[in-house]
Amino acid sequence: MSSTGTSRSWAVGGLIFAASMMIMLGLWQVMVGIAAIFRDEFFVTTDNYVFNLDTTAWGWLHLVLGALSIVVGAVMFTGATWTRVIGIALAGVSAINNFLFIPYYPLWSLAIIAADIFVIWSLCTVGAAVRAGELPGGSGPEYTGTRRDEAASAASAARSDVQNAPMMGR
């Protein structure tokens, strides 16, 4: 398999990963948001925290970010460029939001931040593959074949090489 096919596979995989993670992270954010809105006492609050918002306010922030992430993640499966840009922005805002939310739910916030970083990385590498023309929408030559086509043409070329090779010993 050629290097273009390999990087194309990674890019498509990265896009699917990012879209799936955006949906999953969005669902998690929505669940945390609902818990913060309806059960303030679920989260431990600190008195001397600089960004001391009411947990209901944090809940609404999580709920809105989660709903937006679900929508953008679902549309991201189309491969539209604007979804990658919005996805990077949403994952960045989500990471910042969860960084500020660390005193309320530390391990959860750190896990979400780590997942947001993977989404940003994945969406940035997909963008590089599109610009290189390895995915539809890029500026380079578009890949139009399939692996089966590549394998068939390679097998045909090998067969013709064997048939046209000079016979030794005759």
Protein backbone atom coordinates (compact mmCIF):
# COMPACT_ATOMS: atom_id res chain seq x y z
CA MET A 1 0.00 0.00 0.00
CA SER A 2 1.28 3.46 -0.83
CA SER A 3 2.09 6.09 1.74
CA THR A 4 -0.81 8.21 0.44
CA GLY A 5 -3.22 5.35 1.10
CA THR A 6 -1.79 4.85 4.57
CA SER A 7 -2.00 8.51 5.53
CA ARG A 8 -5.49 8.70 4.01
CA SER A 9 -6.57 5.78 6.19
CA TRP A 10 -5.16 7.49 9.26
CA ALA A 11 -6.87 10.74 8.34
CA VAL A 12 -10.26 9.08 7.83
CA GLY A 13 -9.79 7.17 11.07
CA GLY A 14 -8.90 10.40 12.86
CA LEU A 15 -12.02 12.09 11.55
CA ILE A 16 -14.24 9.21 12.67
CA PHE A 17 -12.48 9.14 16.05
CA ALA A 18 -12.94 12.89 16.53
CA ALA A 19 -16.61 12.80 15.51
CA SER A 20 -17.33 9.85 17.81
CA MET A 21 -15.47 11.44 20.71
CA MET A 22 -17.27 14.76 20.20
CA ILE A 23 -20.62 12.96 20.49
CA MET A 24 -19.51 10.95 23.53
CA LEU A 25 -17.95 13.97 25.26
CA GLY A 26 -21.10 15.94 24.51
CA LEU A 27 -23.26 13.27 26.12
CA TRP A 28 -21.02 13.26 29.20
CA GLN A 29 -21.14 17.05 29.41
CA VAL A 30 -24.93 16.97 29.16
CA MET A 31 -25.13 14.41 32.00
CA VAL A 32 -22.86 16.51 34.23
CA GLY A 33 -24.87 19.60 33.33
CA ILE A 34 -28.16 17.97 34.25
CA ALA A 35 -26.69 16.73 37.54
CA ALA A 36 -25.41 20.22 38.38
CA ILE A 37 -28.70 21.88 37.46
CA PHE A 38 -31.01 19.56 39.37
CA ARG A 39 -28.79 18.45 42.27
CA ASP A 40 -26.51 21.26 43.41
CA GLU A 41 -25.36 19.25 46.43
CA PHE A 42 -23.91 16.50 44.19
CA PHE A 43 -20.75 18.57 43.65
CA VAL A 44 -18.44 19.67 46.44
CA THR A 45 -17.98 23.43 46.38
CA THR A 46 -15.00 25.40 47.64
CA ASP A 47 -15.20 28.77 49.36
CA ASN A 48 -11.99 30.43 48.18
CA TYR A 49 -12.06 29.64 44.47
CA VAL A 50 -11.48 32.51 42.05
CA PHE A 51 -14.04 31.25 39.51
CA ASN A 52 -16.67 30.48 42.11
CA LEU A 53 -19.91 30.15 40.14
CA ASP A 54 -23.06 28.59 41.41
CA THR A 55 -23.12 24.91 40.43
CA THR A 56 -26.34 25.57 38.54
CA ALA A 57 -24.47 28.06 36.35
CA TRP A 58 -21.74 25.46 35.74
CA GLY A 59 -24.50 23.00 34.90
CA TRP A 60 -25.93 25.27 32.22
CA LEU A 61 -22.44 25.82 30.76
CA HIS A 62 -21.87 22.07 30.57
CA LEU A 63 -25.32 21.45 29.15
CA VAL A 64 -24.92 24.00 26.34
CA LEU A 65 -21.37 22.88 25.49
CA GLY A 66 -22.48 19.25 25.50
CA ALA A 67 -25.45 19.88 23.22
CA LEU A 68 -23.29 21.82 20.77
CA SER A 69 -20.65 19.07 20.82
CA ILE A 70 -23.25 16.40 20.04
CA VAL A 71 -24.61 18.35 17.07
CA VAL A 72 -21.18 19.23 15.66
CA GLY A 73 -19.91 15.67 16.21
CA ALA A 74 -22.88 14.21 14.35
CA VAL A 75 -22.45 16.58 11.41
CA MET A 76 -18.69 15.98 11.44
CA PHE A 77 -19.26 12.56 9.83
CA THR A 78 -19.99 14.44 6.60
CA GLY A 79 -16.36 15.64 6.51
CA ALA A 80 -17.29 19.31 6.14
CA THR A 81 -14.40 21.66 6.87
CA TRP A 82 -16.47 23.98 9.03
CA THR A 83 -17.26 21.11 11.42
CA ARG A 84 -13.55 20.51 12.00
CA VAL A 85 -12.99 24.20 12.75
CA ILE A 86 -15.99 24.39 15.09
CA GLY A 87 -14.97 21.06 16.64
CA ILE A 88 -11.50 22.36 17.48
CA ALA A 89 -13.01 25.51 18.99
CA LEU A 90 -15.60 23.56 21.00
CA ALA A 91 -13.02 21.10 22.30
CA GLY A 92 -10.81 24.03 23.33
CA VAL A 93 -13.67 25.78 25.13
CA SER A 94 -14.63 22.47 26.76
CA ALA A 95 -11.07 21.96 28.00
CA ILE A 96 -10.99 25.48 29.46
CA ASN A 97 -14.43 25.01 31.02
CA ASN A 98 -13.36 21.74 32.62
CA PHE A 99 -10.09 23.29 33.80
CA LEU A 100 -12.13 25.90 35.67
CA PHE A 101 -14.42 23.09 36.92
CA ILE A 102 -11.53 21.09 38.48
CA PRO A 103 -12.28 22.10 42.12
CA TYR A 104 -15.84 20.78 41.77
CA TYR A 105 -15.10 17.40 40.15
CA PRO A 106 -11.31 16.92 39.73
CA LEU A 107 -10.81 13.49 38.17
CA TRP A 108 -13.76 13.88 35.82
CA SER A 109 -12.54 17.26 34.65
CA LEU A 110 -9.01 15.97 34.00
CA ALA A 111 -10.37 13.01 32.01
CA ILE A 112 -12.51 15.33 29.86
CA ILE A 113 -9.55 17.68 29.31
CA ALA A 114 -7.40 14.75 28.13
CA ALA A 115 -10.14 13.59 25.73
CA ASP A 116 -10.57 17.16 24.43
CA ILE A 117 -6.84 17.32 23.69
CA PHE A 118 -7.06 14.08 21.67
CA VAL A 119 -10.00 15.48 19.72
CA ILE A 120 -8.10 18.69 18.93
CA TRP A 121 -5.04 16.70 17.83
CA SER A 122 -7.13 14.40 15.67
CA LEU A 123 -8.99 17.25 13.97
CA CYS A 124 -5.75 19.14 13.31
CA THR A 125 -4.11 16.13 11.66
CA VAL A 126 -7.19 15.50 9.52
CA GLY A 127 -6.96 19.08 8.29
CA ALA A 128 -3.35 18.49 7.20
CA ALA A 129 -4.40 15.41 5.23
CA VAL A 130 -7.17 17.33 3.48
CA ARG A 131 -4.80 20.15 2.53
CA ALA A 132 -2.37 17.58 1.12
CA GLY A 133 -5.17 16.24 -1.08
CA GLU A 134 -5.39 12.85 0.59
CA LEU A 135 -9.08 13.29 1.39
CA PRO A 136 -11.84 14.76 -0.73
CA GLY A 137 -11.85 18.52 -0.46
CA GLY A 138 -8.08 18.91 -0.49
CA SER A 139 -6.01 20.81 -3.03
CA GLY A 140 -3.86 17.89 -4.17
CA PRO A 141 -4.76 14.93 -6.39
CA GLU A 142 -7.82 13.19 -5.04
CA TYR A 143 -7.63 9.50 -4.29
CA THR A 144 -10.26 7.77 -6.41
CA GLY A 145 -9.38 4.09 -6.29
CA THR A 146 -9.96 1.41 -3.73
CA ARG A 147 -7.64 -1.07 -2.10
CA ARG A 148 -9.23 -3.81 -4.16
CA ASP A 149 -8.40 -1.88 -7.35
CA GLU A 150 -4.82 -1.40 -6.19
CA ALA A 151 -4.46 -5.09 -5.34
CA ALA A 152 -5.96 -6.16 -8.67
CA SER A 153 -3.63 -3.91 -10.67
CA ALA A 154 -0.61 -5.08 -8.66
CA ALA A 155 -1.58 -8.74 -9.22
CA SER A 156 -2.08 -8.11 -12.93
CA ALA A 157 1.32 -6.46 -13.21
CA ALA A 158 2.97 -9.34 -11.35
CA ARG A 159 1.23 -11.89 -13.62
CA SER A 160 2.40 -10.11 -16.77
CA ASP A 161 5.96 -9.95 -15.38
CA VAL A 162 5.94 -13.70 -14.78
CA GLN A 163 4.46 -14.47 -18.21
CA ASN A 164 6.93 -12.23 -20.02
CA ALA A 165 10.00 -13.41 -18.13
CA PRO A 166 12.52 -15.35 -20.21
CA MET A 167 12.54 -19.08 -19.53
CA MET A 168 15.83 -20.29 -18.15
CA GLY A 169 17.13 -23.72 -18.98
CA ARG A 170 15.09 -24.33 -22.14
